[in-house]
Protein backbone atom coordinates (compact mmCIF):
# COMPACT_ATOMS: atom_id res chain seq x y z
CA MET A 1 0.00 0.00 0.00
CA LYS A 2 2.98 2.28 -0.43
CA LEU A 3 1.41 3.82 -3.53
CA GLN A 4 -1.60 4.78 -1.43
CA HIS A 5 0.66 6.57 1.04
CA PHE A 6 2.37 8.43 -1.80
CA VAL A 7 -0.95 9.53 -3.33
CA ILE A 8 -2.41 10.65 0.00
CA ASP A 9 0.76 12.53 1.02
CA THR A 10 0.91 14.29 -2.34
CA ILE A 11 -2.76 15.31 -2.37
CA GLU A 12 -2.59 16.59 1.20
CA ALA A 13 0.55 18.56 0.35
CA MET A 14 -1.45 20.11 -2.52
CA HIS A 15 -3.98 21.19 0.15
CA GLY A 16 -6.48 18.68 -1.15
CA VAL A 17 -8.87 16.58 0.93
CA VAL A 18 -8.70 12.79 1.25
CA ASP A 19 -11.62 10.80 2.71
CA LEU A 20 -10.77 7.14 3.41
CA LEU A 21 -14.06 5.34 2.71
CA GLU A 22 -12.88 1.79 3.33
CA TYR A 23 -9.91 -0.47 2.75
CA ALA A 24 -7.94 0.72 -0.36
CA LEU A 25 -10.71 3.11 -1.41
CA CYS A 26 -10.78 6.87 -0.95
CA TYR A 27 -12.62 9.92 -2.20
CA VAL A 28 -10.43 12.93 -2.96
CA MET A 29 -11.10 16.61 -3.65
CA LEU A 30 -8.40 18.73 -5.27
CA PRO A 31 -7.96 22.52 -5.39
CA ASP A 32 -9.24 24.10 -8.62
CA GLU A 33 -5.73 25.21 -9.57
CA TYR A 34 -4.81 21.58 -10.29
CA SER A 35 -7.89 20.70 -12.36
CA HIS A 36 -6.06 21.06 -15.68
CA TYR A 37 -3.82 18.15 -14.70
CA PHE A 38 -6.88 15.86 -14.47
CA ASN A 39 -8.95 16.88 -17.50
CA GLY A 40 -10.87 19.47 -15.51
CA LYS A 41 -11.78 17.14 -12.63
CA THR A 42 -11.32 18.10 -8.99
CA GLU A 43 -13.16 15.16 -7.39
CA MET A 44 -12.20 11.51 -7.86
CA LEU A 45 -12.80 8.08 -6.41
CA LEU A 46 -9.52 6.16 -6.19
CA ALA A 47 -8.94 2.46 -5.55
CA PHE A 48 -5.59 0.97 -4.57
CA ASP A 49 -6.53 -2.69 -4.82
CA PHE A 50 -7.63 -4.52 -7.99
CA GLU A 51 -10.54 -6.33 -6.33
CA VAL A 52 -11.72 -3.12 -4.65
CA ALA A 53 -11.60 -1.37 -8.05
CA GLN A 54 -13.74 -4.15 -9.59
CA GLU A 55 -16.28 -3.78 -6.78
CA ASN A 56 -16.43 -0.01 -7.39
CA PRO A 57 -16.75 0.57 -11.17
CA LYS A 58 -16.66 4.37 -10.79
CA ALA A 59 -13.26 4.23 -9.05
CA GLU A 60 -9.97 4.59 -10.88
CA PHE A 61 -7.51 1.81 -10.08
CA ILE A 62 -4.23 3.42 -9.02
CA THR A 63 -1.22 1.40 -10.10
CA PHE A 64 2.08 2.01 -11.87
CA GLY A 65 1.32 3.62 -15.22
CA SER A 66 -2.18 4.84 -14.32
CA TYR A 67 -3.04 8.35 -15.54
CA THR A 68 -3.79 9.90 -12.14
CA LEU A 69 -0.65 8.48 -10.55
CA GLU A 70 1.51 9.87 -13.37
CA GLN A 71 -0.14 13.29 -13.05
CA LEU A 72 0.39 13.35 -9.28
CA THR A 73 4.04 12.41 -9.81
CA THR A 74 4.42 15.26 -12.31
CA ILE A 75 2.88 17.73 -9.83
CA ALA A 76 5.14 16.49 -7.04
CA HIS A 77 8.22 17.15 -9.17
CA GLU A 78 7.07 20.46 -10.67
CA LYS A 79 5.79 22.04 -7.46
CA SER A 80 8.58 20.78 -5.18
CA ILE A 81 6.03 20.03 -2.51
CA SER A 82 8.70 18.87 -0.06
CA THR A 83 12.46 19.31 0.19
CA ILE A 84 13.29 15.81 1.47
CA ARG A 85 11.74 12.78 -0.16
CA TYR A 86 12.02 9.07 0.57
CA ALA A 87 11.63 6.83 -2.47
CA VAL A 88 9.10 4.02 -2.32
CA ILE A 89 10.70 0.69 -3.28
CA ASP A 90 8.52 -2.41 -3.34
CA ARG A 91 11.36 -4.91 -3.37
CA LEU A 92 15.07 -4.26 -2.90
CA SER A 93 16.55 -7.26 -4.69
CA LEU A 94 18.22 -8.17 -7.97
CA LEU A 95 17.93 -11.54 -9.71
CA LYS A 96 20.94 -12.87 -11.63
CA ALA A 97 23.09 -10.06 -10.29
CA GLU A 98 26.33 -11.60 -11.55
CA ASP A 99 25.11 -11.76 -15.17
CA LYS A 100 23.78 -8.22 -15.04
CA ILE A 101 27.00 -6.85 -13.55
CA LYS A 102 29.04 -8.55 -16.29
CA LYS A 103 26.79 -6.99 -18.92
CA PHE A 104 27.08 -3.54 -17.31
CA LEU A 105 30.87 -3.75 -17.20
CA ASP A 106 31.04 -5.23 -20.70
CA MET A 107 33.66 -7.71 -19.50
CA ASP A 108 32.35 -11.11 -20.53
CA LYS A 109 35.84 -12.66 -20.48
CA SER A 110 36.49 -11.60 -16.93
CA GLN A 111 35.96 -13.81 -13.95
CA LEU A 112 33.62 -12.01 -11.63
CA GLU A 113 33.47 -12.66 -7.92
CA ILE A 114 30.91 -10.91 -5.74
CA LEU A 115 32.66 -10.43 -2.40
CA GLN A 116 29.82 -8.69 -0.58
CA GLN A 117 26.43 -7.17 -1.18
CA LYS A 118 24.39 -5.08 1.20
CA GLU A 119 21.46 -2.72 1.30
CA ILE A 120 22.33 0.96 1.72
CA MET A 121 20.62 4.33 1.43
CA GLY A 122 21.70 6.48 -1.48
CA ARG A 123 21.11 10.22 -1.86
CA TRP A 124 20.50 12.40 -4.89
CA VAL A 125 20.08 16.15 -4.94
CA CYS A 126 17.83 17.74 -7.53
CA PHE A 127 18.62 21.43 -8.07
CA ASN A 128 15.81 23.28 -9.84
CA TYR A 129 17.05 26.38 -11.67
CA LYS A 130 15.15 29.23 -13.25
CA ILE A 131 17.09 30.53 -16.26
CA GLY A 132 16.35 33.80 -18.04
CA TYR A 133 17.51 34.74 -21.55
CA THR A 134 17.32 38.42 -22.47
CA ALA A 135 17.98 39.72 -25.98
CA HIS A 136 15.53 41.88 -27.92
CA GLU A 137 12.92 40.01 -25.84
CA ARG A 138 13.04 37.82 -22.72
CA THR A 139 12.31 34.12 -22.31
CA GLU A 140 12.60 31.85 -19.26
CA GLU A 141 12.94 28.13 -18.69
CA LEU A 142 13.08 25.77 -15.72
CA LYS A 143 15.82 23.15 -15.63
CA ASP A 144 16.45 20.42 -13.06
CA ILE A 145 19.96 19.09 -12.53
CA TRP A 146 20.41 15.84 -10.60
CA ILE A 147 23.60 15.01 -8.71
CA ASN A 148 24.41 11.50 -7.48
CA LEU A 149 26.03 12.10 -4.08
CA GLN A 150 27.57 8.62 -4.10
CA ASN A 151 29.94 9.50 -6.96
CA GLY A 152 29.42 13.26 -7.25
CA ALA A 153 28.42 13.01 -10.91
CA ILE A 154 25.65 14.63 -12.94
CA ASP A 155 22.98 11.95 -13.33
CA THR A 156 21.04 12.52 -16.55
CA LYS A 157 19.60 9.00 -16.46
CA ILE A 158 17.66 9.51 -13.24
CA GLN A 159 16.66 12.99 -14.43
CA GLU A 160 15.14 11.45 -17.55
CA ASN A 161 13.31 8.85 -15.44
CA LYS A 162 12.31 11.04 -12.50
CA ASN A 163 8.62 10.22 -12.96
CA LEU A 164 9.44 6.66 -11.89
CA ILE A 165 10.27 7.92 -8.39
CA PHE A 166 7.35 7.58 -6.01
CA HIS A 167 8.06 8.97 -2.59
CA GLU A 168 6.80 9.47 0.94
CA LYS A 169 7.29 12.23 3.50
CA ASN A 170 8.65 9.90 6.17
CA LEU A 171 11.41 7.31 6.25
CA THR A 172 9.94 3.81 6.48
CA THR A 173 13.06 1.64 6.19
CA ASN A 174 16.38 2.75 7.64
CA TYR A 175 19.49 1.65 5.73
CA PRO A 176 23.08 2.75 6.44
CA ILE A 177 24.30 5.77 4.46
CA PRO A 178 27.84 5.32 3.07
CA GLU A 179 30.39 8.11 2.75
CA GLN A 180 29.18 10.61 0.17
CA HIS A 181 30.04 13.88 -1.53
CA SER A 182 28.79 17.03 0.19
CA VAL A 183 25.73 18.94 -0.94
CA PHE A 184 27.92 22.03 -1.40
CA GLU A 185 30.14 20.14 -3.85
CA ALA A 186 27.01 19.00 -5.63
CA PHE A 187 25.74 22.57 -5.85
CA GLU A 188 28.99 23.79 -7.42
CA ASN A 189 28.93 20.93 -9.89
CA ALA A 190 25.29 21.52 -10.80
CA TYR A 191 25.75 25.28 -11.23
CA SER A 192 28.76 24.83 -13.53
CA TYR A 193 26.80 22.30 -15.57
CA VAL A 194 23.65 24.39 -15.91
CA LYS A 195 25.71 27.46 -16.81
CA ILE A 196 27.38 25.62 -19.70
CA GLU A 197 24.01 24.30 -20.88
CA ALA A 198 22.49 27.79 -20.72
CA GLU A 199 25.36 29.28 -22.70
CA GLU A 200 25.06 26.57 -25.35
CA TYR A 201 21.33 27.18 -25.61
CA SER A 202 21.83 30.95 -25.90
CA ASN A 203 24.15 30.33 -28.84
CA VAL A 204 21.40 28.32 -30.52
CA MET A 205 18.95 31.17 -29.92
CA VAL A 206 21.12 33.58 -31.88
CA ASP A 207 20.54 33.54 -35.63
CA LYS A 208 24.20 33.62 -36.62
CA ILE A 209 23.46 33.70 -40.34
CA GLU A 210 21.19 36.71 -39.94
CA PHE A 211 23.74 38.36 -37.66
CA SER A 212 26.44 37.86 -40.27
CA LYS A 213 24.20 39.34 -42.94
CA GLU A 214 23.53 42.42 -40.79
CA LEU A 215 27.27 42.99 -40.26
CA GLN A 216 27.87 42.56 -43.97
CA ARG A 217 25.12 45.06 -44.75
CA ILE A 218 26.73 47.62 -42.41
CA ASP A 219 30.16 47.09 -43.99
CA GLU A 220 28.80 47.42 -47.52
CA TYR A 221 26.95 50.63 -46.64
CA TYR A 222 29.96 52.31 -45.01
CA ASN A 223 32.37 51.01 -47.65
CA GLU A 224 30.36 52.89 -50.27
CA LEU A 225 30.34 56.06 -48.18
CA GLU A 226 34.10 55.87 -47.55
CA ILE A 227 34.86 55.23 -51.25
CA GLU A 228 32.72 58.19 -52.21
CA ASN A 229 34.43 60.33 -49.58
CA SER A 230 37.90 59.23 -50.81
CA LYS A 231 37.00 60.14 -54.41
CA LYS A 232 35.99 63.60 -53.29
CA LEU A 233 39.26 63.97 -51.42
CA GLU A 234 41.28 62.98 -54.52
CA ARG A 235 39.63 65.50 -56.81
CA LYS A 236 41.79 68.30 -58.20
CA GLY A 237 41.34 71.79 -56.90
CA VAL A 238 40.06 70.72 -53.47
CA THR A 239 40.76 73.49 -50.99
CA ASP A 240 42.57 72.82 -47.73
CA LYS A 241 39.43 73.63 -45.82
CA ARG A 242 37.45 71.09 -47.86
CA LYS A 243 40.20 68.48 -47.42
CA SER A 244 40.07 68.98 -43.68
CA GLU A 245 36.29 68.49 -43.75
CA LEU A 246 36.56 65.30 -45.82
CA ILE A 247 39.30 63.85 -43.56
CA SER A 248 37.14 64.55 -40.52
CA LYS A 249 34.21 62.92 -42.28
CA ALA A 250 36.34 59.82 -42.98
CA GLU A 251 37.12 59.49 -39.26
CA ALA A 252 33.48 60.04 -38.40
CA LEU A 253 32.42 57.27 -40.82
CA LYS A 254 34.85 54.82 -39.17
CA LEU A 255 33.47 55.65 -35.73
CA GLU A 256 29.89 55.40 -36.98
CA ARG A 257 30.62 51.99 -38.54
CA LEU A 258 31.98 50.72 -35.21
CA ARG A 259 28.97 52.12 -33.34
CA GLN A 260 26.51 50.45 -35.71
CA LYS A 261 28.33 47.11 -35.37
CA LYS A 262 28.34 47.30 -31.58
CA GLU A 263 24.60 48.02 -31.58
CA MET A 264 24.04 45.02 -33.83
CA GLU A 265 26.21 42.81 -31.60
CA SER A 266 24.19 43.96 -28.61
CA LYS A 267 20.97 43.09 -30.43
CA TYR A 268 22.23 39.56 -31.12
CA THR A 269 23.80 39.02 -27.69
CA VAL A 270 21.80 36.99 -25.17
CA ASP A 271 22.21 37.94 -21.49
CA ILE A 272 21.78 34.96 -19.17
CA ASP A 273 20.68 35.01 -15.54
CA ILE A 274 20.53 31.84 -13.46
CA ALA A 275 18.71 31.55 -10.14
CA LEU A 276 18.31 28.50 -7.90
CA ASP A 277 14.58 28.06 -7.37
CA ASN A 278 14.77 25.15 -4.91
CA ALA A 279 16.59 21.93 -4.12
CA VAL A 280 15.21 18.53 -3.20
CA ILE A 281 17.11 15.65 -1.59
CA TYR A 282 15.97 12.16 -2.54
CA PHE A 283 16.77 9.15 -0.37
CA ILE A 284 16.73 5.98 -2.49
CA PRO A 285 17.49 2.46 -1.19
CA LEU A 286 20.28 0.79 -3.18
CA ILE A 287 22.19 -2.47 -3.33
CA GLU A 288 25.95 -2.09 -2.93
CA TYR A 289 28.20 -4.73 -4.53
CA HIS A 290 31.87 -5.19 -3.71
CA ILE A 291 33.41 -7.28 -6.47
CA ASN A 292 36.68 -8.70 -7.76
CA LEU A 293 37.38 -8.74 -11.49
CA LYS A 294 39.99 -11.30 -12.51
CA PHE A 295 41.48 -10.99 -15.98
CA GLN A 296 44.77 -12.45 -17.21
CA GLY A 297 46.05 -12.85 -13.69
CA ILE A 298 45.19 -9.30 -12.65
CA VAL A 299 42.64 -8.74 -9.87
CA GLU A 300 40.79 -5.44 -9.72
CA LYS A 301 38.43 -4.47 -6.91
CA LYS A 302 35.36 -2.40 -7.73
CA THR A 303 32.30 -1.07 -5.95
CA LEU A 304 29.00 -0.81 -7.78
CA HIS A 305 25.59 0.43 -6.72
CA TYR A 306 22.34 -0.84 -8.18
CA ASN A 307 19.47 1.65 -8.34
CA PRO A 308 16.15 -0.26 -8.37
CA VAL A 309 14.17 2.82 -9.45
CA ILE A 310 15.82 3.07 -12.87
CA LYS A 311 17.13 -0.52 -12.82
CA SER A 312 20.73 0.35 -13.54
CA PHE A 313 24.23 0.26 -12.05
CA TYR A 314 26.77 2.99 -11.57
CA LYS A 315 30.38 2.91 -10.44
CA VAL A 316 31.53 4.32 -7.12
CA PRO A 317 35.05 5.75 -6.76
CA SER A 318 37.25 4.16 -4.13
CA ASN A 319 37.91 7.50 -2.46
CA ILE A 320 35.32 10.23 -2.05
């Protein structure tokens, strides 16, 4: 019934009302501001057991992949309802671990020995940034950057699969937390990453072909004016006073060309501002594997973590 806890916690955090009618059946009322997530509905009958759902045809059966559950997960991530979240894991186990580890390491010829496996608690930090791009007009975007505190790395895989994370407000199972990178280190890493991404995106926003055409147009215009001015200066019988005027005009044209180019560069330059909107720490139960890899007489020790949420491994450095 962990899904039921997740749904109830999320709806209550949205300031909705949950009425438990009987076992695995509840009636919920949501604030109007969330109606667009549920096709205009603010009242629903939800069932968390298949048999209960069959007995109540008007109830929606809440299970993995159901529409309402996916929408509630989206709201939980978008609204950052809480700052600490504990992932709901139905079963912390992995069948045929040895075969799956070999496949992950792509070392079929190696002899793999699992020395130890244990359940631990992993932590991820999700930094949610608000990024503004200002040129001739302003646009904004929200971007979430996930840091795996076990190895300190940007984790795009869990970011792409964040809607698979169902969570509760309270810790239900307590596993040991291994040595990890600090949240401050994670923040620095995330900010550097999002800054690079924002700069790359700003470059895409700029129409470089159009910008080049505008600079070319300015050059062609002032080239014609300078040629015309030079021809006037080379004419016979030009008085000293007129020469002085034409020389001054030549300098003025150069300055005006530079000014026009700077204005055009400013028009095609995107100013970026990055602000941290919020940060959320996720606690996710993991399986830690200590292994030996034997290949051509060489033994190498490695530590791997298995994340049951996204069903994948990642490597852990020996020293954090």
